[in-house]
């Protein structure tokens, strides 16, 4: 069984036709798993629906507490890309004994050409194959929690060294 912790981020945003903003109304994880024809056993837990730019230490502590409380040893965390490395560092430094993989999307699932399905598929593969630790998977790459950053100019993740 794989525990999915939903925390928000672009992956779950939708377009509000009234004001033109991207907003949260619900998580799309169940729809994504159906569309991807996922056959892995999962438990979905919505922790929050929050833009990662507005996450603080208390939010990261809550996410870590939900990782630690998970009965499963394989945990996937949906997260906004802007501060995903910060949350990965909190989880990785805690040495949870679990394999935890964070992922996000640059384009919301509800939009055409979203990278959400691909990134979630990569996270599912990674969480089943990697040893315990914290990781980020984006754009077909896997990064260790202590060796990753988001390159804002290029709009992708890369290693620090």
Protein backbone atom coordinates (compact mmCIF):
# COMPACT_ATOMS: atom_id res chain seq x y z
CA UNK A 1 0.00 0.00 0.00
CA UNK A 2 1.18 3.50 -0.86
CA UNK A 3 0.04 6.48 1.21
CA UNK A 4 -0.54 9.66 -0.81
CA UNK A 5 -0.42 12.88 1.19
CA UNK A 6 -2.06 15.75 -0.68
CA UNK A 7 -0.72 19.18 0.27
CA UNK A 8 -1.74 21.31 -2.71
CA UNK A 9 0.41 22.98 -5.30
CA UNK A 10 -0.20 23.67 -8.96
CA UNK A 11 -1.13 20.03 -9.60
CA UNK A 12 -4.50 20.55 -7.86
CA UNK A 13 -5.27 24.10 -8.98
CA UNK A 14 -8.16 25.02 -11.28
CA UNK A 15 -8.96 28.08 -13.35
CA UNK A 16 -11.58 30.36 -11.81
CA UNK A 17 -13.52 31.75 -14.77
CA UNK A 18 -14.94 34.62 -12.72
CA UNK A 19 -11.67 36.26 -11.74
CA UNK A 20 -9.07 34.48 -13.86
CA UNK A 21 -7.11 33.16 -10.87
CA UNK A 22 -5.86 29.66 -10.17
CA UNK A 23 -7.65 28.30 -7.10
CA UNK A 24 -8.14 25.14 -5.07
CA UNK A 25 -11.55 23.50 -4.94
CA UNK A 26 -10.61 19.85 -4.33
CA UNK A 27 -7.85 17.37 -4.98
CA UNK A 28 -7.76 15.65 -8.37
CA UNK A 29 -5.76 12.64 -7.17
CA UNK A 30 -8.59 10.12 -7.53
CA UNK A 31 -9.27 11.30 -11.10
CA UNK A 32 -5.56 11.18 -11.95
CA UNK A 33 -5.22 7.63 -10.64
CA UNK A 34 -8.25 6.49 -12.65
CA UNK A 35 -6.98 8.18 -15.83
CA UNK A 36 -3.52 6.67 -15.33
CA UNK A 37 -5.10 3.24 -14.77
CA UNK A 38 -3.13 2.91 -11.55
CA UNK A 39 -3.48 -0.56 -10.04
CA UNK A 40 -1.35 -0.01 -6.95
CA UNK A 41 -3.21 -0.01 -3.64
CA UNK A 42 -3.34 3.54 -2.30
CA UNK A 43 -4.66 5.48 0.64
CA UNK A 44 -5.25 9.17 -0.12
CA UNK A 45 -5.06 11.66 2.74
CA UNK A 46 -5.65 15.35 2.15
CA UNK A 47 -3.44 17.25 4.58
CA UNK A 48 -4.04 20.69 3.05
CA UNK A 49 -4.63 22.39 -0.27
CA UNK A 50 -2.11 25.20 -0.19
CA UNK A 51 0.19 27.01 -2.59
CA UNK A 52 3.70 26.15 -1.43
CA UNK A 53 4.70 29.83 -1.59
CA UNK A 54 2.43 30.29 1.44
CA UNK A 55 3.73 27.29 3.39
CA UNK A 56 5.62 27.94 6.58
CA UNK A 57 7.46 25.89 9.16
CA UNK A 58 4.19 24.86 10.80
CA UNK A 59 2.91 23.45 7.49
CA UNK A 60 6.12 21.47 6.97
CA UNK A 61 5.89 20.18 10.54
CA UNK A 62 2.32 19.04 9.85
CA UNK A 63 3.39 17.25 6.66
CA UNK A 64 6.22 15.54 8.54
CA UNK A 65 3.83 14.50 11.31
CA UNK A 66 1.52 12.90 8.73
CA UNK A 67 4.49 11.06 7.17
CA UNK A 68 5.48 9.77 10.60
CA UNK A 69 1.89 8.76 11.40
CA UNK A 70 1.44 6.83 8.15
CA UNK A 71 1.18 3.08 8.70
CA UNK A 72 2.70 2.56 5.23
CA UNK A 73 6.45 2.65 4.62
CA UNK A 74 5.96 4.12 1.13
CA UNK A 75 4.61 7.68 1.00
CA UNK A 76 4.02 9.99 -1.97
CA UNK A 77 3.50 13.70 -1.24
CA UNK A 78 1.93 16.07 -3.76
CA UNK A 79 3.40 19.53 -3.25
CA UNK A 80 3.86 22.88 -4.89
CA UNK A 81 7.13 23.14 -6.78
CA UNK A 82 8.24 26.50 -5.38
CA UNK A 83 9.19 25.22 -1.92
CA UNK A 84 9.24 21.46 -2.46
CA UNK A 85 13.00 21.22 -1.71
CA UNK A 86 12.45 22.87 1.69
CA UNK A 87 9.80 20.32 2.65
CA UNK A 88 11.94 17.46 1.32
CA UNK A 89 14.77 18.65 3.58
CA UNK A 90 12.50 18.59 6.65
CA UNK A 91 11.36 15.05 5.86
CA UNK A 92 14.81 13.82 4.84
CA UNK A 93 16.52 15.19 7.94
CA UNK A 94 13.98 13.36 10.12
CA UNK A 95 15.19 9.96 8.82
CA UNK A 96 11.69 8.51 8.96
CA UNK A 97 12.66 4.97 7.92
CA UNK A 98 10.16 5.32 5.08
CA UNK A 99 10.59 5.98 1.39
CA UNK A 100 9.00 9.37 0.76
CA UNK A 101 8.75 10.88 -2.72
CA UNK A 102 7.53 14.43 -3.33
CA UNK A 103 6.20 15.56 -6.68
CA UNK A 104 4.41 18.48 -8.19
CA UNK A 105 3.40 19.88 -11.53
CA UNK A 106 4.34 22.98 -13.47
CA UNK A 107 0.93 22.91 -15.21
CA UNK A 108 -2.31 22.07 -13.33
CA UNK A 109 -3.83 18.62 -13.95
CA UNK A 110 -7.02 20.33 -15.16
CA UNK A 111 -5.11 22.01 -18.04
CA UNK A 112 -4.15 20.50 -21.39
CA UNK A 113 -0.51 19.38 -21.52
CA UNK A 114 -0.16 19.04 -17.75
CA UNK A 115 2.88 17.20 -16.47
CA UNK A 116 0.91 15.93 -13.44
CA UNK A 117 0.27 12.39 -14.72
CA UNK A 118 3.87 11.83 -15.77
CA UNK A 119 5.28 13.19 -12.52
CA UNK A 120 2.88 11.10 -10.43
CA UNK A 121 3.80 7.99 -12.43
CA UNK A 122 7.48 8.66 -11.82
CA UNK A 123 6.81 9.14 -8.11
CA UNK A 124 4.93 5.83 -7.91
CA UNK A 125 7.79 3.98 -9.55
CA UNK A 126 10.39 5.73 -7.41
CA UNK A 127 8.61 5.09 -4.10
CA UNK A 128 8.44 1.37 -4.86
CA UNK A 129 12.08 0.99 -5.92
CA UNK A 130 14.17 3.43 -3.87
CA UNK A 131 15.59 2.69 -0.41
CA UNK A 132 14.23 4.58 2.62
CA UNK A 133 14.85 8.31 2.43
CA UNK A 134 13.26 11.43 0.99
CA UNK A 135 13.30 12.24 -2.71
CA UNK A 136 11.82 14.60 -5.27
CA UNK A 137 10.81 13.41 -8.70
CA UNK A 138 10.07 15.89 -11.46
CA UNK A 139 10.38 15.77 -15.24
CA UNK A 140 11.56 12.15 -15.30
CA UNK A 141 14.40 12.74 -12.84
CA UNK A 142 14.82 11.66 -9.21
CA UNK A 143 16.67 13.84 -6.72
CA UNK A 144 17.86 13.14 -3.18
CA UNK A 145 16.36 15.46 -0.55
CA UNK A 146 19.72 17.08 0.20
CA UNK A 147 20.83 17.63 -3.39
CA UNK A 148 18.06 19.44 -5.23
CA UNK A 149 16.80 22.90 -6.10
CA UNK A 150 14.29 24.44 -8.44
CA UNK A 151 15.95 26.43 -11.22
CA UNK A 152 13.38 29.19 -11.69
CA UNK A 153 14.97 30.53 -14.86
CA UNK A 154 14.73 27.15 -16.61
CA UNK A 155 11.56 26.03 -14.84
CA UNK A 156 12.99 22.67 -13.83
CA UNK A 157 14.68 20.89 -10.95
CA UNK A 158 18.41 20.20 -10.83
CA UNK A 159 21.07 18.91 -8.48
CA UNK A 160 22.95 21.32 -6.26
CA UNK A 161 26.36 19.78 -6.97
